[in-house]
Amino acid sequence: MIKSPAAKFHDEMLALYEHCAALGFRPVLFRRQVILKGGVEAAKEFVFKPGTTGFERLLDARRVDLSMEAAMTRAEYRTLFTPFEIKEAAKRLDGVVKRERSRGRLTQTATHTKQA
């Protein structure tokens, strides 16, 4: 039986949890929402949530290719989302490219403090 694009996307979002676990973190809230609402509906909600931890963790691991945003922008799944949702996912991914070009994200450095 051939799976619909929505069913394939759902399966891919469930697999994303396992990929993340292999990288050392477990996006439990994401997985719960995928199970409860389905992969497509969960993605439609998460794509507009600022600074999701899972995306940041995948960025740190240099594996944004596994992200929900990367899946949303692939041709096989574009029909599942509105142009606005796809644009938001692409904007997040574009931010990664800009960070990569500037040699990564800015990090806070420790400053020396005087000891009494």
PDB file of N, CA and C in Angstrom:
ATOM      1  N   MET A   1       0.826  -1.181   0.000  1.00  0.00           N
ATOM      2  CA  MET A   1       0.000   0.000   0.000  1.00  0.00           C
ATOM      3  C   MET A   1       0.875   1.251   0.000  1.00  0.00           C
ATOM      4  N   ILE A   2       0.547   2.200  -0.836  1.00  0.00           N
ATOM      5  CA  ILE A   2       1.301   3.443  -0.947  1.00  0.00           C
ATOM      6  C   ILE A   2       0.816   4.415   0.123  1.00  0.00           C
ATOM      7  N   LYS A   3       1.759   4.988   0.856  1.00  0.00           N
ATOM      8  CA  LYS A   3       1.414   5.945   1.905  1.00  0.00           C
ATOM      9  C   LYS A   3       1.228   7.337   1.322  1.00  0.00           C
ATOM     10  N   SER A   4       0.304   8.060   1.903  1.00  0.00           N
ATOM     11  CA  SER A   4       0.081   9.447   1.504  1.00  0.00           C
ATOM     12  C   SER A   4       1.251  10.311   1.979  1.00  0.00           C
ATOM     13  N   PRO A   5       1.424  11.483   1.372  1.00  0.00           N
ATOM     14  CA  PRO A   5       2.481  12.379   1.846  1.00  0.00           C
ATOM     15  C   PRO A   5       2.324  12.721   3.336  1.00  0.00           C
ATOM     16  N   ALA A   6       1.092  12.893   3.801  1.00  0.00           N
ATOM     17  CA  ALA A   6       0.859  13.209   5.220  1.00  0.00           C
ATOM     18  C   ALA A   6       1.317  12.057   6.115  1.00  0.00           C
ATOM     19  N   ALA A   7       1.041  10.826   5.699  1.00  0.00           N
ATOM     20  CA  ALA A   7       1.458   9.655   6.486  1.00  0.00           C
ATOM     21  C   ALA A   7       2.976   9.521   6.481  1.00  0.00           C
ATOM     22  N   LYS A   8       3.609   9.786   5.346  1.00  0.00           N
ATOM     23  CA  LYS A   8       5.073   9.736   5.274  1.00  0.00           C
ATOM     24  C   LYS A   8       5.698  10.808   6.158  1.00  0.00           C
ATOM     25  N   PHE A   9       5.114  12.014   6.130  1.00  0.00           N
ATOM     26  CA  PHE A   9       5.629  13.100   6.948  1.00  0.00           C
ATOM     27  C   PHE A   9       5.488  12.748   8.428  1.00  0.00           C
ATOM     28  N   HIS A  10       4.351  12.203   8.796  1.00  0.00           N
ATOM     29  CA  HIS A  10       4.113  11.782  10.170  1.00  0.00           C
ATOM     30  C   HIS A  10       5.185  10.773  10.618  1.00  0.00           C
ATOM     31  N   ASP A  11       5.419   9.773   9.794  1.00  0.00           N
ATOM     32  CA  ASP A  11       6.438   8.772  10.113  1.00  0.00           C
ATOM     33  C   ASP A  11       7.823   9.404  10.248  1.00  0.00           C
ATOM     34  N   GLU A  12       8.103  10.358   9.387  1.00  0.00           N
ATOM     35  CA  GLU A  12       9.404  11.024   9.436  1.00  0.00           C
ATOM     36  C   GLU A  12       9.549  11.848  10.722  1.00  0.00           C
ATOM     37  N   MET A  13       8.466  12.453  11.163  1.00  0.00           N
ATOM     38  CA  MET A  13       8.514  13.232  12.407  1.00  0.00           C
ATOM     39  C   MET A  13       8.701  12.313  13.618  1.00  0.00           C
ATOM     40  N   LEU A  14       8.079  11.138  13.595  1.00  0.00           N
ATOM     41  CA  LEU A  14       8.308  10.166  14.673  1.00  0.00           C
ATOM     42  C   LEU A  14       9.757   9.675  14.657  1.00  0.00           C
ATOM     43  N   ALA A  15      10.299   9.468  13.474  1.00  0.00           N
ATOM     44  CA  ALA A  15      11.690   9.036  13.339  1.00  0.00           C
ATOM     45  C   ALA A  15      12.655  10.129  13.805  1.00  0.00           C
ATOM     46  N   LEU A  16      12.237  11.391  13.672  1.00  0.00           N
ATOM     47  CA  LEU A  16      13.066  12.506  14.115  1.00  0.00           C
ATOM     48  C   LEU A  16      13.381  12.386  15.597  1.00  0.00           C
ATOM     49  N   TYR A  17      12.414  11.937  16.375  1.00  0.00           N
ATOM     50  CA  TYR A  17      12.638  11.736  17.811  1.00  0.00           C
ATOM     51  C   TYR A  17      13.782  10.743  18.033  1.00  0.00           C
ATOM     52  N   GLU A  18      13.778   9.656  17.286  1.00  0.00           N
ATOM     53  CA  GLU A  18      14.828   8.637  17.429  1.00  0.00           C
ATOM     54  C   GLU A  18      16.186   9.177  16.994  1.00  0.00           C
ATOM     55  N   HIS A  19      16.212   9.968  15.924  1.00  0.00           N
ATOM     56  CA  HIS A  19      17.472  10.584  15.475  1.00  0.00           C
ATOM     57  C   HIS A  19      18.022  11.510  16.555  1.00  0.00           C
ATOM     58  N   CYS A  20      17.131  12.288  17.156  1.00  0.00           N
ATOM     59  CA  CYS A  20      17.544  13.201  18.225  1.00  0.00           C
ATOM     60  C   CYS A  20      18.066  12.427  19.426  1.00  0.00           C
ATOM     61  N   ALA A  21      17.390  11.348  19.776  1.00  0.00           N
ATOM     62  CA  ALA A  21      17.834  10.515  20.904  1.00  0.00           C
ATOM     63  C   ALA A  21      19.243   9.995  20.654  1.00  0.00           C
ATOM     64  N   ALA A  22      19.526   9.621  19.423  1.00  0.00           N
ATOM     65  CA  ALA A  22      20.862   9.141  19.079  1.00  0.00           C
ATOM     66  C   ALA A  22      21.913  10.253  19.214  1.00  0.00           C
ATOM     67  N   LEU A  23      21.466  11.506  19.093  1.00  0.00           N
ATOM     68  CA  LEU A  23      22.372  12.645  19.232  1.00  0.00           C
ATOM     69  C   LEU A  23      22.485  13.120  20.679  1.00  0.00           C
ATOM     70  N   GLY A  24      21.708  12.503  21.572  1.00  0.00           N
ATOM     71  CA  GLY A  24      21.851  12.809  22.982  1.00  0.00           C
ATOM     72  C   GLY A  24      20.755  13.635  23.622  1.00  0.00           C
ATOM     73  N   PHE A  25      19.656  13.883  22.919  1.00  0.00           N
ATOM     74  CA  PHE A  25      18.543  14.589  23.551  1.00  0.00           C
ATOM     75  C   PHE A  25      17.226  14.009  23.048  1.00  0.00           C
ATOM     76  N   ARG A  26      16.201  14.176  23.849  1.00  0.00           N
ATOM     77  CA  ARG A  26      14.893  13.597  23.536  1.00  0.00           C
ATOM     78  C   ARG A  26      13.827  14.689  23.539  1.00  0.00           C
ATOM     79  N   PRO A  27      13.368  15.095  22.362  1.00  0.00           N
ATOM     80  CA  PRO A  27      12.326  16.117  22.291  1.00  0.00           C
ATOM     81  C   PRO A  27      10.941  15.522  22.609  1.00  0.00           C
ATOM     82  N   VAL A  28      10.694  15.326  23.894  1.00  0.00           N
ATOM     83  CA  VAL A  28       9.486  14.630  24.354  1.00  0.00           C
ATOM     84  C   VAL A  28       8.217  15.387  23.989  1.00  0.00           C
ATOM     85  N   LEU A  29       8.206  16.705  24.188  1.00  0.00           N
ATOM     86  CA  LEU A  29       7.018  17.493  23.856  1.00  0.00           C
ATOM     87  C   LEU A  29       6.703  17.393  22.369  1.00  0.00           C
ATOM     88  N   PHE A  30       7.720  17.463  21.539  1.00  0.00           N
ATOM     89  CA  PHE A  30       7.530  17.343  20.092  1.00  0.00           C
ATOM     90  C   PHE A  30       6.904  15.989  19.755  1.00  0.00           C
ATOM     91  N   ARG A  31       7.467  14.940  20.309  1.00  0.00           N
ATOM     92  CA  ARG A  31       6.955  13.588  20.036  1.00  0.00           C
ATOM     93  C   ARG A  31       5.501  13.455  20.478  1.00  0.00           C
ATOM     94  N   ARG A  32       5.199  13.977  21.659  1.00  0.00           N
ATOM     95  CA  ARG A  32       3.835  13.903  22.182  1.00  0.00           C
ATOM     96  C   ARG A  32       2.850  14.606  21.238  1.00  0.00           C
ATOM     97  N   GLN A  33       3.237  15.792  20.755  1.00  0.00           N
ATOM     98  CA  GLN A  33       2.359  16.535  19.853  1.00  0.00           C
ATOM     99  C   GLN A  33       2.186  15.810  18.517  1.00  0.00           C
ATOM    100  N   VAL A  34       3.238  15.183  18.036  1.00  0.00           N
ATOM    101  CA  VAL A  34       3.137  14.410  16.788  1.00  0.00           C
ATOM    102  C   VAL A  34       2.164  13.250  16.973  1.00  0.00           C
ATOM    103  N   ILE A  35       2.269  12.568  18.103  1.00  0.00           N
ATOM    104  CA  ILE A  35       1.372  11.436  18.366  1.00  0.00           C
ATOM    105  C   ILE A  35      -0.072  11.905  18.518  1.00  0.00           C
ATOM    106  N   LEU A  36      -0.271  12.987  19.262  1.00  0.00           N
ATOM    107  CA  LEU A  36      -1.627  13.460  19.526  1.00  0.00           C
ATOM    108  C   LEU A  36      -2.302  14.138  18.330  1.00  0.00           C
ATOM    109  N   LYS A  37      -1.538  14.946  17.602  1.00  0.00           N
ATOM    110  CA  LYS A  37      -2.121  15.760  16.533  1.00  0.00           C
ATOM    111  C   LYS A  37      -1.763  15.306  15.133  1.00  0.00           C
ATOM    112  N   GLY A  38      -0.766  14.460  15.027  1.00  0.00           N
ATOM    113  CA  GLY A  38      -0.264  14.078  13.712  1.00  0.00           C
ATOM    114  C   GLY A  38       0.919  14.951  13.353  1.00  0.00           C
ATOM    115  N   GLY A  39       1.793  14.426  12.526  1.00  0.00           N
ATOM    116  CA  GLY A  39       3.015  15.133  12.160  1.00  0.00           C
ATOM    117  C   GLY A  39       2.784  16.471  11.498  1.00  0.00           C
ATOM    118  N   VAL A  40       1.814  16.535  10.593  1.00  0.00           N
ATOM    119  CA  VAL A  40       1.569  17.773   9.849  1.00  0.00           C
ATOM    120  C   VAL A  40       1.055  18.860  10.785  1.00  0.00           C
ATOM    121  N   GLU A  41       0.052  18.552  11.588  1.00  0.00           N
ATOM    122  CA  GLU A  41      -0.510  19.559  12.500  1.00  0.00           C
ATOM    123  C   GLU A  41       0.511  20.005  13.534  1.00  0.00           C
ATOM    124  N   ALA A  42       1.300  19.083  14.040  1.00  0.00           N
ATOM    125  CA  ALA A  42       2.338  19.446  14.999  1.00  0.00           C
ATOM    126  C   ALA A  42       3.350  20.393  14.356  1.00  0.00           C
ATOM    127  N   ALA A  43       3.751  20.099  13.129  1.00  0.00           N
ATOM    128  CA  ALA A  43       4.708  20.953  12.422  1.00  0.00           C
ATOM    129  C   ALA A  43       4.128  22.340  12.196  1.00  0.00           C
ATOM    130  N   LYS A  44       2.852  22.412  11.850  1.00  0.00           N
ATOM    131  CA  LYS A  44       2.196  23.700  11.612  1.00  0.00           C
ATOM    132  C   LYS A  44       2.218  24.563  12.865  1.00  0.00           C
ATOM    133  N   GLU A  45       2.171  23.950  14.024  1.00  0.00           N
ATOM    134  CA  GLU A  45       2.235  24.703  15.277  1.00  0.00           C
ATOM    135  C   GLU A  45       3.672  25.042  15.659  1.00  0.00           C
ATOM    136  N   PHE A  46       4.548  24.060  15.605  1.00  0.00           N
ATOM    137  CA  PHE A  46       5.923  24.272  16.057  1.00  0.00           C
ATOM    138  C   PHE A  46       6.708  25.237  15.182  1.00  0.00           C
ATOM    139  N   VAL A  47       6.376  25.332  13.913  1.00  0.00           N
ATOM    140  CA  VAL A  47       7.160  26.189  13.028  1.00  0.00           C
ATOM    141  C   VAL A  47       7.048  27.661  13.430  1.00  0.00           C
ATOM    142  N   PHE A  48       5.998  28.019  14.147  1.00  0.00           N
ATOM    143  CA  PHE A  48       5.824  29.412  14.565  1.00  0.00           C
ATOM    144  C   PHE A  48       6.245  29.665  16.013  1.00  0.00           C
ATOM    145  N   LYS A  49       6.720  28.627  16.692  1.00  0.00           N
ATOM    146  CA  LYS A  49       7.194  28.815  18.062  1.00  0.00           C
ATOM    147  C   LYS A  49       8.647  29.272  18.016  1.00  0.00           C
ATOM    148  N   PRO A  50       8.939  30.392  18.657  1.00  0.00           N
ATOM    149  CA  PRO A  50      10.311  30.917  18.580  1.00  0.00           C
ATOM    150  C   PRO A  50      11.316  30.051  19.332  1.00  0.00           C
ATOM    151  N   GLY A  51      12.475  29.908  18.733  1.00  0.00           N
ATOM    152  CA  GLY A  51      13.611  29.267  19.378  1.00  0.00           C
ATOM    153  C   GLY A  51      13.371  27.911  20.000  1.00  0.00           C
ATOM    154  N   THR A  52      12.808  26.988  19.234  1.00  0.00           N
ATOM    155  CA  THR A  52      12.572  25.666  19.794  1.00  0.00           C
ATOM    156  C   THR A  52      13.898  24.991  20.114  1.00  0.00           C
ATOM    157  N   THR A  53      13.955  24.355  21.254  1.00  0.00           N
ATOM    158  CA  THR A  53      15.176  23.721  21.738  1.00  0.00           C
ATOM    159  C   THR A  53      15.672  22.641  20.786  1.00  0.00           C
ATOM    160  N   GLY A  54      14.759  21.856  20.240  1.00  0.00           N
ATOM    161  CA  GLY A  54      15.155  20.778  19.334  1.00  0.00           C
ATOM    162  C   GLY A  54      15.907  21.281  18.120  1.00  0.00           C
ATOM    163  N   PHE A  55      15.416  22.356  17.525  1.00  0.00           N
ATOM    164  CA  PHE A  55      16.091  22.927  16.363  1.00  0.00           C
ATOM    165  C   PHE A  55      17.481  23.411  16.750  1.00  0.00           C
ATOM    166  N   GLU A  56      17.576  24.065  17.903  1.00  0.00           N
ATOM    167  CA  GLU A  56      18.879  24.542  18.373  1.00  0.00           C
ATOM    168  C   GLU A  56      19.842  23.385  18.618  1.00  0.00           C
ATOM    169  N   ARG A  57      19.337  22.306  19.175  1.00  0.00           N
ATOM    170  CA  ARG A  57      20.185  21.133  19.428  1.00  0.00           C
ATOM    171  C   ARG A  57      20.666  20.513  18.120  1.00  0.00           C
ATOM    172  N   LEU A  58      19.772  20.423  17.135  1.00  0.00           N
ATOM    173  CA  LEU A  58      20.182  19.899  15.829  1.00  0.00           C
ATOM    174  C   LEU A  58      21.193  20.827  15.175  1.00  0.00           C
ATOM    175  N   LEU A  59      21.030  22.111  15.361  1.00  0.00           N
ATOM    176  CA  LEU A  59      21.980  23.088  14.845  1.00  0.00           C
ATOM    177  C   LEU A  59      23.355  22.871  15.479  1.00  0.00           C
ATOM    178  N   ASP A  60      23.380  22.712  16.792  1.00  0.00           N
ATOM    179  CA  ASP A  60      24.645  22.476  17.490  1.00  0.00           C
ATOM    180  C   ASP A  60      25.322  21.196  17.013  1.00  0.00           C
ATOM    181  N   ALA A  61      24.509  20.190  16.677  1.00  0.00           N
ATOM    182  CA  ALA A  61      25.047  18.911  16.203  1.00  0.00           C
ATOM    183  C   ALA A  61      25.338  18.930  14.698  1.00  0.00           C
ATOM    184  N   ARG A  62      25.082  20.076  14.080  1.00  0.00           N
ATOM    185  CA  ARG A  62      25.254  20.235  12.621  1.00  0.00           C
ATOM    186  C   ARG A  62      24.401  19.230  11.838  1.00  0.00           C
ATOM    187  N   ARG A  63      23.164  19.023  12.316  1.00  0.00           N
ATOM    188  CA  ARG A  63      22.255  18.085  11.666  1.00  0.00           C
ATOM    189  C   ARG A  63      20.883  18.708  11.413  1.00  0.00           C
ATOM    190  N   VAL A  64      20.853  19.964  10.976  1.00  0.00           N
ATOM    191  CA  VAL A  64      19.564  20.582  10.667  1.00  0.00           C
ATOM    192  C   VAL A  64      18.888  19.904   9.485  1.00  0.00           C
ATOM    193  N   ASP A  65      19.640  19.089   8.759  1.00  0.00           N
ATOM    194  CA  ASP A  65      19.045  18.316   7.673  1.00  0.00           C
ATOM    195  C   ASP A  65      17.983  17.348   8.192  1.00  0.00           C
ATOM    196  N   LEU A  66      18.060  17.006   9.473  1.00  0.00           N
ATOM    197  CA  LEU A  66      17.077  16.110  10.081  1.00  0.00           C
ATOM    198  C   LEU A  66      15.867  16.864  10.630  1.00  0.00           C
ATOM    199  N   SER A  67      15.904  18.173  10.631  1.00  0.00           N
ATOM    200  CA  SER A  67      14.882  18.982  11.296  1.00  0.00           C
ATOM    201  C   SER A  67      13.525  18.929  10.609  1.00  0.00           C
ATOM    202  N   MET A  68      12.522  19.254  11.405  1.00  0.00           N
ATOM    203  CA  MET A  68      11.154  19.384  10.917  1.00  0.00           C
ATOM    204  C   MET A  68      11.106  20.442   9.811  1.00  0.00           C
ATOM    205  N   GLU A  69      11.838  21.548  10.010  1.00  0.00           N
ATOM    206  CA  GLU A  69      11.860  22.633   9.030  1.00  0.00           C
ATOM    207  C   GLU A  69      12.420  22.167   7.688  1.00  0.00           C
ATOM    208  N   ALA A  70      13.468  21.358   7.737  1.00  0.00           N
ATOM    209  CA  ALA A  70      14.051  20.836   6.489  1.00  0.00           C
ATOM    210  C   ALA A  70      13.052  19.942   5.766  1.00  0.00           C
ATOM    211  N   ALA A  71      12.340  19.122   6.524  1.00  0.00           N
ATOM    212  CA  ALA A  71      11.333  18.243   5.908  1.00  0.00           C
ATOM    213  C   ALA A  71      10.204  19.058   5.297  1.00  0.00           C
ATOM    214  N   MET A  72       9.755  20.090   5.998  1.00  0.00           N
ATOM    215  CA  MET A  72       8.649  20.919   5.501  1.00  0.00           C
ATOM    216  C   MET A  72       8.965  21.573   4.162  1.00  0.00           C
ATOM    217  N   THR A  73      10.223  21.878   3.932  1.00  0.00           N
ATOM    218  CA  THR A  73      10.593  22.585   2.696  1.00  0.00           C
ATOM    219  C   THR A  73      10.900  21.647   1.529  1.00  0.00           C
ATOM    220  N   ARG A  74      10.915  20.362   1.779  1.00  0.00           N
ATOM    221  CA  ARG A  74      11.169  19.416   0.689  1.00  0.00           C
ATOM    222  C   ARG A  74       9.961  19.327  -0.245  1.00  0.00           C
ATOM    223  N   ALA A  75      10.223  19.167  -1.518  1.00  0.00           N
ATOM    224  CA  ALA A  75       9.181  19.162  -2.548  1.00  0.00           C
ATOM    225  C   ALA A  75       8.078  18.140  -2.265  1.00  0.00           C
ATOM    226  N   GLU A  76       8.434  16.988  -1.751  1.00  0.00           N
ATOM    227  CA  GLU A  76       7.435  15.932  -1.532  1.00  0.00           C
ATOM    228  C   GLU A  76       6.407  16.289  -0.461  1.00  0.00           C
ATOM    229  N   TYR A  77       6.722  17.282   0.398  1.00  0.00           N
ATOM    230  CA  TYR A  77       5.804  17.651   1.479  1.00  0.00           C
ATOM    231  C   TYR A  77       5.220  19.057   1.345  1.00  0.00           C
ATOM    232  N   ARG A  78       5.634  19.803   0.349  1.00  0.00           N
ATOM    233  CA  ARG A  78       5.189  21.194   0.217  1.00  0.00           C
ATOM    234  C   ARG A  78       3.667  21.330   0.099  1.00  0.00           C
ATOM    235  N   THR A  79       3.004  20.351  -0.460  1.00  0.00           N
ATOM    236  CA  THR A  79       1.543  20.437  -0.624  1.00  0.00           C
ATOM    237  C   THR A  79       0.804  20.341   0.710  1.00  0.00           C
ATOM    238  N   LEU A  80       1.485  19.912   1.758  1.00  0.00           N
ATOM    239  CA  LEU A  80       0.862  19.755   3.076  1.00  0.00           C
ATOM    240  C   LEU A  80       0.790  21.063   3.856  1.00  0.00           C
ATOM    241  N   PHE A  81       1.532  22.074   3.400  1.00  0.00           N
ATOM    242  CA  PHE A  81       1.663  23.313   4.151  1.00  0.00           C
ATOM    243  C   PHE A  81       1.314  24.522   3.300  1.00  0.00           C
ATOM    244  N   THR A  82       0.927  25.592   3.987  1.00  0.00           N
ATOM    245  CA  THR A  82       0.643  26.844   3.285  1.00  0.00           C
ATOM    246  C   THR A  82       1.960  27.489   2.874  1.00  0.00           C
ATOM    247  N   PRO A  83       1.914  28.385   1.888  1.00  0.00           N
ATOM    248  CA  PRO A  83       3.144  29.097   1.517  1.00  0.00           C
ATOM    249  C   PRO A  83       3.757  29.844   2.706  1.00  0.00           C
ATOM    250  N   PHE A  84       2.926  30.371   3.585  1.00  0.00           N
ATOM    251  CA  PHE A  84       3.410  31.090   4.764  1.00  0.00           C
ATOM    252  C   PHE A  84       4.158  30.159   5.712  1.00  0.00           C
ATOM    253  N   GLU A  85       3.654  28.950   5.912  1.00  0.00           N
ATOM    254  CA  GLU A  85       4.317  27.968   6.778  1.00  0.00           C
ATOM    255  C   GLU A  85       5.653  27.525   6.188  1.00  0.00           C
ATOM    256  N   ILE A  86       5.671  27.309   4.893  1.00  0.00           N
ATOM    257  CA  ILE A  86       6.911  26.917   4.217  1.00  0.00           C
ATOM    258  C   ILE A  86       7.937  28.044   4.299  1.00  0.00           C
ATOM    259  N   LYS A  87       7.453  29.275   4.128  1.00  0.00           N
ATOM    260  CA  LYS A  87       8.345  30.433   4.199  1.00  0.00           C
ATOM    261  C   LYS A  87       8.961  30.545   5.594  1.00  0.00           C
ATOM    262  N   GLU A  88       8.170  30.306   6.629  1.00  0.00           N
ATOM    263  CA  GLU A  88       8.682  30.374   7.999  1.00  0.00           C
ATOM    264  C   GLU A  88       9.748  29.301   8.247  1.00  0.00           C
ATOM    265  N   ALA A  89       9.492  28.088   7.763  1.00  0.00           N
ATOM    266  CA  ALA A  89      10.474  27.010   7.902  1.00  0.00           C
ATOM    267  C   ALA A  89      11.761  27.359   7.147  1.00  0.00           C
ATOM    268  N   ALA A  90      11.610  27.887   5.944  1.00  0.00           N
ATOM    269  CA  ALA A  90      12.772  28.268   5.131  1.00  0.00           C
ATOM    270  C   ALA A  90      13.548  29.399   5.796  1.00  0.00           C
ATOM    271  N   LYS A  91      12.840  30.314   6.453  1.00  0.00           N
ATOM    272  CA  LYS A  91      13.495  31.434   7.135  1.00  0.00           C
ATOM    273  C   LYS A  91      14.377  30.920   8.270  1.00  0.00           C
ATOM    274  N   ARG A  92      13.895  29.935   8.995  1.00  0.00           N
ATOM    275  CA  ARG A  92      14.718  29.346  10.066  1.00  0.00           C
ATOM    276  C   ARG A  92      15.967  28.686   9.491  1.00  0.00           C
ATOM    277  N   LEU A  93      15.785  27.951   8.408  1.00  0.00           N
ATOM    278  CA  LEU A  93      16.926  27.285   7.784  1.00  0.00           C
ATOM    279  C   LEU A  93      17.901  28.298   7.201  1.00  0.00           C
ATOM    280  N   ASP A  94      17.380  29.390   6.649  1.00  0.00           N
ATOM    281  CA  ASP A  94      18.223  30.445   6.103  1.00  0.00           C
ATOM    282  C   ASP A  94      19.063  31.077   7.202  1.00  0.00           C
ATOM    283  N   GLY A  95      18.496  31.202   8.391  1.00  0.00           N
ATOM    284  CA  GLY A  95      19.245  31.724   9.525  1.00  0.00           C
ATOM    285  C   GLY A  95      20.434  30.858   9.858  1.00  0.00           C
ATOM    286  N   VAL A  96      20.301  29.550   9.668  1.00  0.00           N
ATOM    287  CA  VAL A  96      21.402  28.621   9.917  1.00  0.00           C
ATOM    288  C   VAL A  96      22.530  28.883   8.927  1.00  0.00           C
ATOM    289  N   VAL A  97      22.184  29.078   7.672  1.00  0.00           N
ATOM    290  CA  VAL A  97      23.194  29.329   6.642  1.00  0.00           C
ATOM    291  C   VAL A  97      23.958  30.605   6.970  1.00  0.00           C
ATOM    292  N   LYS A  98      23.254  31.628   7.407  1.00  0.00           N
ATOM    293  CA  LYS A  98      23.922  32.890   7.757  1.00  0.00           C
ATOM    294  C   LYS A  98      24.842  32.707   8.951  1.00  0.00           C
ATOM    295  N   ARG A  99      24.429  31.915   9.943  1.00  0.00           N
ATOM    296  CA  ARG A  99      25.287  31.651  11.098  1.00  0.00           C
ATOM    297  C   ARG A  99      26.526  30.882  10.688  1.00  0.00           C
ATOM    298  N   GLU A 100      26.333  29.903   9.788  1.00  0.00           N
ATOM    299  CA  GLU A 100      27.469  29.098   9.325  1.00  0.00           C
ATOM    300  C   GLU A 100      28.492  29.993   8.627  1.00  0.00           C
ATOM    301  N   ARG A 101      28.017  30.929   7.817  1.00  0.00           N
ATOM    302  CA  ARG A 101      28.926  31.810   7.091  1.00  0.00           C
ATOM    303  C   ARG A 101      29.698  32.727   8.037  1.00  0.00           C
ATOM    304  N   SER A 102      29.089  33.041   9.161  1.00  0.00           N
ATOM    305  CA  SER A 102      29.770  33.928  10.109  1.00  0.00           C
ATOM    306  C   SER A 102      30.521  33.133  11.173  1.00  0.00           C
ATOM    307  N   ARG A 103      30.858  31.900  10.849  1.00  0.00           N
ATOM    308  CA  ARG A 103      31.622  30.999  11.713  1.00  0.00           C
ATOM    309  C   ARG A 103      30.880  30.651  12.998  1.00  0.00           C
ATOM    310  N   GLY A 104      29.621  30.377  12.856  1.00  0.00           N
ATOM    311  CA  GLY A 104      28.851  29.900  14.004  1.00  0.00           C
ATOM    312  C   GLY A 104      28.163  31.001  14.767  1.00  0.00           C
ATOM    313  N   ARG A 105      27.420  30.581  15.780  1.00  0.00           N
ATOM    314  CA  ARG A 105      26.675  31.526  16.596  1.00  0.00           C
ATOM    315  C   ARG A 105      27.607  32.241  17.556  1.00  0.00           C
ATOM    316  N   LEU A 106      27.184  33.407  17.950  1.00  0.00           N
ATOM    317  CA  LEU A 106      27.941  34.139  18.949  1.00  0.00           C
ATOM    318  C   LEU A 106      27.822  33.417  20.276  1.00  0.00           C
ATOM    319  N   THR A 107      28.905  33.338  20.984  1.00  0.00           N
ATOM    320  CA  THR A 107      28.859  32.698  22.291  1.00  0.00           C
ATOM    321  C   THR A 107      29.346  33.679  23.335  1.00  0.00           C
ATOM    322  N   GLN A 108      28.798  33.573  24.502  1.00  0.00           N
ATOM    323  CA  GLN A 108      29.195  34.438  25.592  1.00  0.00           C
ATOM    324  C   GLN A 108      30.539  33.967  26.128  1.00  0.00           C
ATOM    325  N   THR A 109      31.419  34.909  26.352  1.00  0.00           N
ATOM    326  CA  THR A 109      32.726  34.542  26.894  1.00  0.00           C
ATOM    327  C   THR A 109      32.800  34.985  28.336  1.00  0.00           C
ATOM    328  N   ALA A 110      33.519  34.221  29.108  1.00  0.00           N
ATOM    329  CA  ALA A 110      33.676  34.557  30.513  1.00  0.00           C
ATOM    330  C   ALA A 110      34.621  35.723  30.650  1.00  0.00           C
ATOM    331  N   THR A 111      34.314  36.608  31.573  1.00  0.00           N
ATOM    332  CA  THR A 111      35.203  37.725  31.837  1.00  0.00           C
ATOM    333  C   THR A 111      35.906  37.484  33.152  1.00  0.00           C
ATOM    334  N   HIS A 112      37.096  37.988  33.242  1.00  0.00           N
ATOM    335  CA  HIS A 112      37.867  37.806  34.468  1.00  0.00           C
ATOM    336  C   HIS A 112      37.336  38.765  35.535  1.00  0.00           C
ATOM    337  N   THR A 113      37.174  38.252  36.713  1.00  0.00           N
ATOM    338  CA  THR A 113      36.711  39.097  37.822  1.00  0.00           C
ATOM    339  C   THR A 113      37.818  39.203  38.853  1.00  0.00           C
ATOM    340  N   LYS A 114      37.852  40.336  39.507  1.00  0.00           N
ATOM    341  CA  LYS A 114      38.846  40.556  40.560  1.00  0.00           C
ATOM    342  C   LYS A 114      38.449  39.765  41.792  1.00  0.00           C
ATOM    343  N   GLN A 115      39.417  39.170  42.386  1.00  0.00           N
ATOM    344  CA  GLN A 115      39.163  38.466  43.646  1.00  0.00           C
ATOM    345  C   GLN A 115      39.688  39.310  44.782  1.00  0.00           C
ATOM    346  N   ALA A 116      38.947  39.367  45.868  1.00  0.00           N
ATOM    347  CA  ALA A 116      39.325  40.219  46.997  1.00  0.00           C
ATOM    348  C   ALA A 116      40.448  39.644  47.807  1.00  0.00           C
TER     349      ALA A 116
END
